[in-house]
Amino acid sequence: MKNLIRIFMGISFATIKQKSIYKRAFYLNIISTGVSVFIYLYLWRKVYSKNSFIEGFTLGEMETYVVLSKIISAQFSGGINGILSEWIYNGNIGIELLHPVDLIRNLKARRMGETIFTLIFKGVPIVIISLFVTKYCLPNDIACMALFLLTILFSTLILFYFEVLLGMLAFFTLNSQGII
């Protein structure tokens, strides 16, 4: 079990290193995410300039929604289905199947590495910047926050398995790009 966890963490950290190889793309991605958050915040501030409530929501609640939606949507970009489809198309799937870690666990570890990378290098900067420029609204109840985090965890797992299913279609179509 310890060996499996060590292998799982190794694959995850290798994915993090792989994601941070291209420094310019890495920094431009962070900057573009920050700029898009600022654009959304500016637009919502203009919408709320005349009213303090719109359909029961305050500006602070809408700004919190913008920040959280950008962080969450960043988690769901990319995808394991592209990697799996590429392995099938290139013929590398045979090599991946021969590794001591089964294919699904390998892909899950890669997805975990992508999630950690995105949280650290996209989520944290967005939250830090937004703390200074927004009227952040935290939930009133700790149970709501726990349920929100649990929902995010389950949605990430569901998305992972859906991506694996889409990637598996490449066995029959040789490429899942047209399906996605």
C-alpha atoms as a PDB file:
ATOM      1  CA  MET A   1       0.000   0.000   0.000  1.00  0.00           C
ATOM      2  CA  LYS A   2       2.804   2.417   0.889  1.00  0.00           C
ATOM      3  CA  ASN A   3       4.521   1.585  -2.379  1.00  0.00           C
ATOM      4  CA  LEU A   4       1.312   2.316  -4.303  1.00  0.00           C
ATOM      5  CA  ILE A   5       0.895   5.691  -2.565  1.00  0.00           C
ATOM      6  CA  ARG A   6       4.539   6.529  -3.306  1.00  0.00           C
ATOM      7  CA  ILE A   7       4.064   5.682  -6.993  1.00  0.00           C
ATOM      8  CA  PHE A   8       0.783   7.640  -7.083  1.00  0.00           C
ATOM      9  CA  MET A   9       2.450  10.720  -5.568  1.00  0.00           C
ATOM     10  CA  GLY A  10       5.421  10.351  -7.916  1.00  0.00           C
ATOM     11  CA  ILE A  11       3.161  10.397 -10.973  1.00  0.00           C
ATOM     12  CA  SER A  12       1.275  13.395  -9.569  1.00  0.00           C
ATOM     13  CA  PHE A  13       4.449  15.389  -8.941  1.00  0.00           C
ATOM     14  CA  ALA A  14       5.824  14.453 -12.361  1.00  0.00           C
ATOM     15  CA  THR A  15       2.635  15.908 -13.868  1.00  0.00           C
ATOM     16  CA  ILE A  16       3.130  19.111 -11.860  1.00  0.00           C
ATOM     17  CA  LYS A  17       6.702  19.383 -13.157  1.00  0.00           C
ATOM     18  CA  GLN A  18       5.524  18.700 -16.701  1.00  0.00           C
ATOM     19  CA  LYS A  19       2.885  21.440 -16.436  1.00  0.00           C
ATOM     20  CA  SER A  20       5.437  24.010 -15.255  1.00  0.00           C
ATOM     21  CA  ILE A  21       8.116  23.320 -17.891  1.00  0.00           C
ATOM     22  CA  TYR A  22       7.161  26.091 -20.289  1.00  0.00           C
ATOM     23  CA  LYS A  23       7.741  29.172 -18.144  1.00  0.00           C
ATOM     24  CA  ARG A  24       6.341  31.776 -20.540  1.00  0.00           C
ATOM     25  CA  ALA A  25       3.146  29.837 -21.169  1.00  0.00           C
ATOM     26  CA  PHE A  26       2.886  29.209 -17.441  1.00  0.00           C
ATOM     27  CA  TYR A  27       3.126  32.914 -16.547  1.00  0.00           C
ATOM     28  CA  LEU A  28       0.916  34.024 -19.444  1.00  0.00           C
ATOM     29  CA  ASN A  29      -1.733  31.553 -18.342  1.00  0.00           C
ATOM     30  CA  ILE A  30      -1.700  32.992 -14.811  1.00  0.00           C
ATOM     31  CA  ILE A  31      -1.806  36.562 -16.139  1.00  0.00           C
ATOM     32  CA  SER A  32      -4.627  35.811 -18.575  1.00  0.00           C
ATOM     33  CA  THR A  33      -6.683  34.219 -15.802  1.00  0.00           C
ATOM     34  CA  GLY A  34      -6.110  37.286 -13.610  1.00  0.00           C
ATOM     35  CA  VAL A  35      -7.056  39.643 -16.427  1.00  0.00           C
ATOM     36  CA  SER A  36     -10.260  37.723 -17.147  1.00  0.00           C
ATOM     37  CA  VAL A  37     -11.191  37.885 -13.436  1.00  0.00           C
ATOM     38  CA  PHE A  38     -10.622  41.653 -13.449  1.00  0.00           C
ATOM     39  CA  ILE A  39     -12.761  42.037 -16.583  1.00  0.00           C
ATOM     40  CA  TYR A  40     -15.603  40.069 -15.032  1.00  0.00           C
ATOM     41  CA  LEU A  41     -15.334  42.033 -11.779  1.00  0.00           C
ATOM     42  CA  TYR A  42     -15.355  45.334 -13.674  1.00  0.00           C
ATOM     43  CA  LEU A  43     -18.433  44.305 -15.654  1.00  0.00           C
ATOM     44  CA  TRP A  44     -20.323  43.241 -12.541  1.00  0.00           C
ATOM     45  CA  ARG A  45     -19.387  46.465 -10.755  1.00  0.00           C
ATOM     46  CA  LYS A  46     -20.846  48.419 -13.677  1.00  0.00           C
ATOM     47  CA  VAL A  47     -24.009  46.323 -13.546  1.00  0.00           C
ATOM     48  CA  TYR A  48     -24.314  46.952  -9.792  1.00  0.00           C
ATOM     49  CA  SER A  49     -23.407  50.661  -9.974  1.00  0.00           C
ATOM     50  CA  LYS A  50     -27.068  51.752  -9.887  1.00  0.00           C
ATOM     51  CA  ASN A  51     -28.498  49.017  -7.613  1.00  0.00           C
ATOM     52  CA  SER A  52     -27.198  47.391  -4.457  1.00  0.00           C
ATOM     53  CA  PHE A  53     -29.319  44.264  -5.016  1.00  0.00           C
ATOM     54  CA  ILE A  54     -30.178  42.550  -8.272  1.00  0.00           C
ATOM     55  CA  GLU A  55     -32.521  39.576  -8.045  1.00  0.00           C
ATOM     56  CA  GLY A  56     -31.569  39.152  -4.376  1.00  0.00           C
ATOM     57  CA  PHE A  57     -27.791  39.104  -4.881  1.00  0.00           C
ATOM     58  CA  THR A  58     -25.360  41.754  -3.649  1.00  0.00           C
ATOM     59  CA  LEU A  59     -22.215  42.879  -5.414  1.00  0.00           C
ATOM     60  CA  GLY A  60     -20.080  41.012  -2.862  1.00  0.00           C
ATOM     61  CA  GLU A  61     -21.933  37.788  -3.519  1.00  0.00           C
ATOM     62  CA  MET A  62     -21.558  38.211  -7.278  1.00  0.00           C
ATOM     63  CA  GLU A  63     -17.821  38.954  -6.942  1.00  0.00           C
ATOM     64  CA  THR A  64     -17.428  35.828  -4.812  1.00  0.00           C
ATOM     65  CA  TYR A  65     -19.260  33.877  -7.500  1.00  0.00           C
ATOM     66  CA  VAL A  66     -16.919  35.227 -10.207  1.00  0.00           C
ATOM     67  CA  VAL A  67     -13.781  34.317  -8.265  1.00  0.00           C
ATOM     68  CA  LEU A  68     -14.993  30.832  -7.330  1.00  0.00           C
ATOM     69  CA  SER A  69     -16.269  30.111 -10.836  1.00  0.00           C
ATOM     70  CA  LYS A  70     -12.895  31.031 -12.365  1.00  0.00           C
ATOM     71  CA  ILE A  71     -11.033  28.799  -9.912  1.00  0.00           C
ATOM     72  CA  ILE A  72     -13.431  25.895 -10.438  1.00  0.00           C
ATOM     73  CA  SER A  73     -13.540  26.244 -14.223  1.00  0.00           C
ATOM     74  CA  ALA A  74      -9.739  26.217 -14.287  1.00  0.00           C
ATOM     75  CA  GLN A  75      -9.897  22.799 -12.613  1.00  0.00           C
ATOM     76  CA  PHE A  76     -12.017  21.386 -15.386  1.00  0.00           C
ATOM     77  CA  SER A  77      -9.883  22.509 -18.296  1.00  0.00           C
ATOM     78  CA  GLY A  78      -7.543  20.110 -20.027  1.00  0.00           C
ATOM     79  CA  GLY A  79      -8.472  16.512 -19.657  1.00  0.00           C
ATOM     80  CA  ILE A  80      -7.371  12.951 -19.314  1.00  0.00           C
ATOM     81  CA  ASN A  81      -9.345  11.984 -22.409  1.00  0.00           C
ATOM     82  CA  GLY A  82      -6.850  13.836 -24.613  1.00  0.00           C
ATOM     83  CA  ILE A  83      -3.901  12.021 -23.058  1.00  0.00           C
ATOM     84  CA  LEU A  84      -5.597   8.637 -23.355  1.00  0.00           C
ATOM     85  CA  SER A  85      -6.658   9.337 -26.936  1.00  0.00           C
ATOM     86  CA  GLU A  86      -3.103  10.391 -27.824  1.00  0.00           C
ATOM     87  CA  TRP A  87      -1.657   7.206 -26.316  1.00  0.00           C
ATOM     88  CA  ILE A  88      -4.077   5.100 -28.346  1.00  0.00           C
ATOM     89  CA  TYR A  89      -3.478   7.037 -31.565  1.00  0.00           C
ATOM     90  CA  ASN A  90       0.340   6.898 -31.212  1.00  0.00           C
ATOM     91  CA  GLY A  91       0.372   3.275 -30.090  1.00  0.00           C
ATOM     92  CA  ASN A  92       1.858   4.097 -26.679  1.00  0.00           C
ATOM     93  CA  ILE A  93      -1.111   2.541 -24.899  1.00  0.00           C
ATOM     94  CA  GLY A  94       0.679  -0.817 -24.923  1.00  0.00           C
ATOM     95  CA  ILE A  95       3.624   0.659 -23.033  1.00  0.00           C
ATOM     96  CA  GLU A  96       1.286   2.329 -20.534  1.00  0.00           C
ATOM     97  CA  LEU A  97      -0.544  -0.960 -19.968  1.00  0.00           C
ATOM     98  CA  LEU A  98       2.776  -2.694 -19.192  1.00  0.00           C
ATOM     99  CA  HIS A  99       3.633  -0.296 -16.340  1.00  0.00           C
ATOM    100  CA  PRO A 100       3.276  -1.676 -12.812  1.00  0.00           C
ATOM    101  CA  VAL A 101       0.521   0.850 -12.051  1.00  0.00           C
ATOM    102  CA  ASP A 102      -2.760   0.111 -13.783  1.00  0.00           C
ATOM    103  CA  LEU A 103      -3.979   2.566 -16.401  1.00  0.00           C
ATOM    104  CA  ILE A 104      -6.858   4.106 -14.435  1.00  0.00           C
ATOM    105  CA  ARG A 105      -4.697   4.767 -11.365  1.00  0.00           C
ATOM    106  CA  ASN A 106      -1.998   6.269 -13.595  1.00  0.00           C
ATOM    107  CA  LEU A 107      -4.549   8.606 -15.171  1.00  0.00           C
ATOM    108  CA  LYS A 108      -6.058   9.420 -11.771  1.00  0.00           C
ATOM    109  CA  ALA A 109      -2.622  10.348 -10.427  1.00  0.00           C
ATOM    110  CA  ARG A 110      -2.027  12.567 -13.458  1.00  0.00           C
ATOM    111  CA  ARG A 111      -5.387  14.258 -12.931  1.00  0.00           C
ATOM    112  CA  MET A 112      -4.576  14.778  -9.260  1.00  0.00           C
ATOM    113  CA  GLY A 113      -1.286  16.418 -10.254  1.00  0.00           C
ATOM    114  CA  GLU A 114      -3.124  18.694 -12.693  1.00  0.00           C
ATOM    115  CA  THR A 115      -5.623  19.625  -9.975  1.00  0.00           C
ATOM    116  CA  ILE A 116      -2.903  20.441  -7.440  1.00  0.00           C
ATOM    117  CA  PHE A 117      -1.022  22.472 -10.045  1.00  0.00           C
ATOM    118  CA  THR A 118      -4.114  24.453 -10.994  1.00  0.00           C
ATOM    119  CA  LEU A 119      -5.097  25.106  -7.385  1.00  0.00           C
ATOM    120  CA  ILE A 120      -1.636  26.333  -6.433  1.00  0.00           C
ATOM    121  CA  PHE A 121      -0.711  28.327  -9.516  1.00  0.00           C
ATOM    122  CA  LYS A 122      -4.116  29.621 -10.618  1.00  0.00           C
ATOM    123  CA  GLY A 123      -6.410  29.407  -7.617  1.00  0.00           C
ATOM    124  CA  VAL A 124      -4.134  30.864  -4.964  1.00  0.00           C
ATOM    125  CA  PRO A 125      -3.113  33.957  -7.012  1.00  0.00           C
ATOM    126  CA  ILE A 126      -6.764  34.621  -7.910  1.00  0.00           C
ATOM    127  CA  VAL A 127      -7.827  34.374  -4.262  1.00  0.00           C
ATOM    128  CA  ILE A 128      -4.950  36.594  -3.051  1.00  0.00           C
ATOM    129  CA  ILE A 129      -5.669  39.281  -5.643  1.00  0.00           C
ATOM    130  CA  SER A 130      -9.410  39.111  -5.085  1.00  0.00           C
ATOM    131  CA  LEU A 131      -9.036  39.547  -1.326  1.00  0.00           C
ATOM    132  CA  PHE A 132      -7.643  43.021  -1.994  1.00  0.00           C
ATOM    133  CA  VAL A 133     -10.061  44.146  -4.707  1.00  0.00           C
ATOM    134  CA  THR A 134     -13.408  42.507  -3.923  1.00  0.00           C
ATOM    135  CA  LYS A 135     -16.017  42.539  -1.225  1.00  0.00           C
ATOM    136  CA  TYR A 136     -15.562  38.830  -0.635  1.00  0.00           C
ATOM    137  CA  CYS A 137     -18.537  37.047   0.956  1.00  0.00           C
ATOM    138  CA  LEU A 138     -17.740  33.950   2.938  1.00  0.00           C
ATOM    139  CA  PRO A 139     -20.523  31.487   3.726  1.00  0.00           C
ATOM    140  CA  ASN A 140     -22.327  32.021   7.011  1.00  0.00           C
ATOM    141  CA  ASP A 141     -22.275  28.351   7.870  1.00  0.00           C
ATOM    142  CA  ILE A 142     -19.262  26.024   8.032  1.00  0.00           C
ATOM    143  CA  ALA A 143     -21.545  23.158   6.961  1.00  0.00           C
ATOM    144  CA  CYS A 144     -22.299  25.015   3.694  1.00  0.00           C
ATOM    145  CA  MET A 145     -18.585  25.392   3.024  1.00  0.00           C
ATOM    146  CA  ALA A 146     -17.965  21.702   3.773  1.00  0.00           C
ATOM    147  CA  LEU A 147     -20.803  20.662   1.457  1.00  0.00           C
ATOM    148  CA  PHE A 148     -19.448  22.952  -1.262  1.00  0.00           C
ATOM    149  CA  LEU A 149     -15.980  21.383  -1.012  1.00  0.00           C
ATOM    150  CA  LEU A 150     -17.492  17.893  -0.966  1.00  0.00           C
ATOM    151  CA  THR A 151     -19.485  18.736  -4.090  1.00  0.00           C
ATOM    152  CA  ILE A 152     -16.330  19.939  -5.840  1.00  0.00           C
ATOM    153  CA  LEU A 153     -14.535  16.716  -4.886  1.00  0.00           C
ATOM    154  CA  PHE A 154     -17.333  14.510  -6.195  1.00  0.00           C
ATOM    155  CA  SER A 155     -17.736  16.537  -9.388  1.00  0.00           C
ATOM    156  CA  THR A 156     -14.002  16.199 -10.043  1.00  0.00           C
ATOM    157  CA  LEU A 157     -14.265  12.410  -9.648  1.00  0.00           C
ATOM    158  CA  ILE A 158     -17.315  12.220 -11.911  1.00  0.00           C
ATOM    159  CA  LEU A 159     -15.579  14.350 -14.526  1.00  0.00           C
ATOM    160  CA  PHE A 160     -12.466  12.153 -14.330  1.00  0.00           C
ATOM    161  CA  TYR A 161     -14.423   8.972 -15.040  1.00  0.00           C
ATOM    162  CA  PHE A 162     -16.388  10.693 -17.801  1.00  0.00           C
ATOM    163  CA  GLU A 163     -13.081  11.778 -19.389  1.00  0.00           C
ATOM    164  CA  VAL A 164     -11.793   8.198 -19.162  1.00  0.00           C
ATOM    165  CA  LEU A 165     -14.930   6.937 -20.905  1.00  0.00           C
ATOM    166  CA  LEU A 166     -14.490   9.522 -23.665  1.00  0.00           C
ATOM    167  CA  GLY A 167     -10.827   8.595 -23.991  1.00  0.00           C
ATOM    168  CA  MET A 168     -11.743   4.913 -24.274  1.00  0.00           C
ATOM    169  CA  LEU A 169     -13.817   5.742 -27.350  1.00  0.00           C
ATOM    170  CA  ALA A 170     -10.487   6.301 -29.095  1.00  0.00           C
ATOM    171  CA  PHE A 171     -10.070   2.507 -29.172  1.00  0.00           C
ATOM    172  CA  PHE A 172     -12.903   2.458 -31.687  1.00  0.00           C
ATOM    173  CA  THR A 173     -12.417   5.803 -33.443  1.00  0.00           C
ATOM    174  CA  LEU A 174      -8.606   6.164 -33.093  1.00  0.00           C
ATOM    175  CA  ASN A 175      -9.156   9.738 -31.919  1.00  0.00           C
ATOM    176  CA  SER A 176     -11.682  11.207 -29.514  1.00  0.00           C
ATOM    177  CA  GLN A 177     -11.168  14.836 -30.573  1.00  0.00           C
ATOM    178  CA  GLY A 178     -14.272  14.902 -32.763  1.00  0.00           C
ATOM    179  CA  ILE A 179     -16.409  13.520 -29.967  1.00  0.00           C
ATOM    180  CA  ILE A 180     -15.325  16.021 -27.328  1.00  0.00           C
END
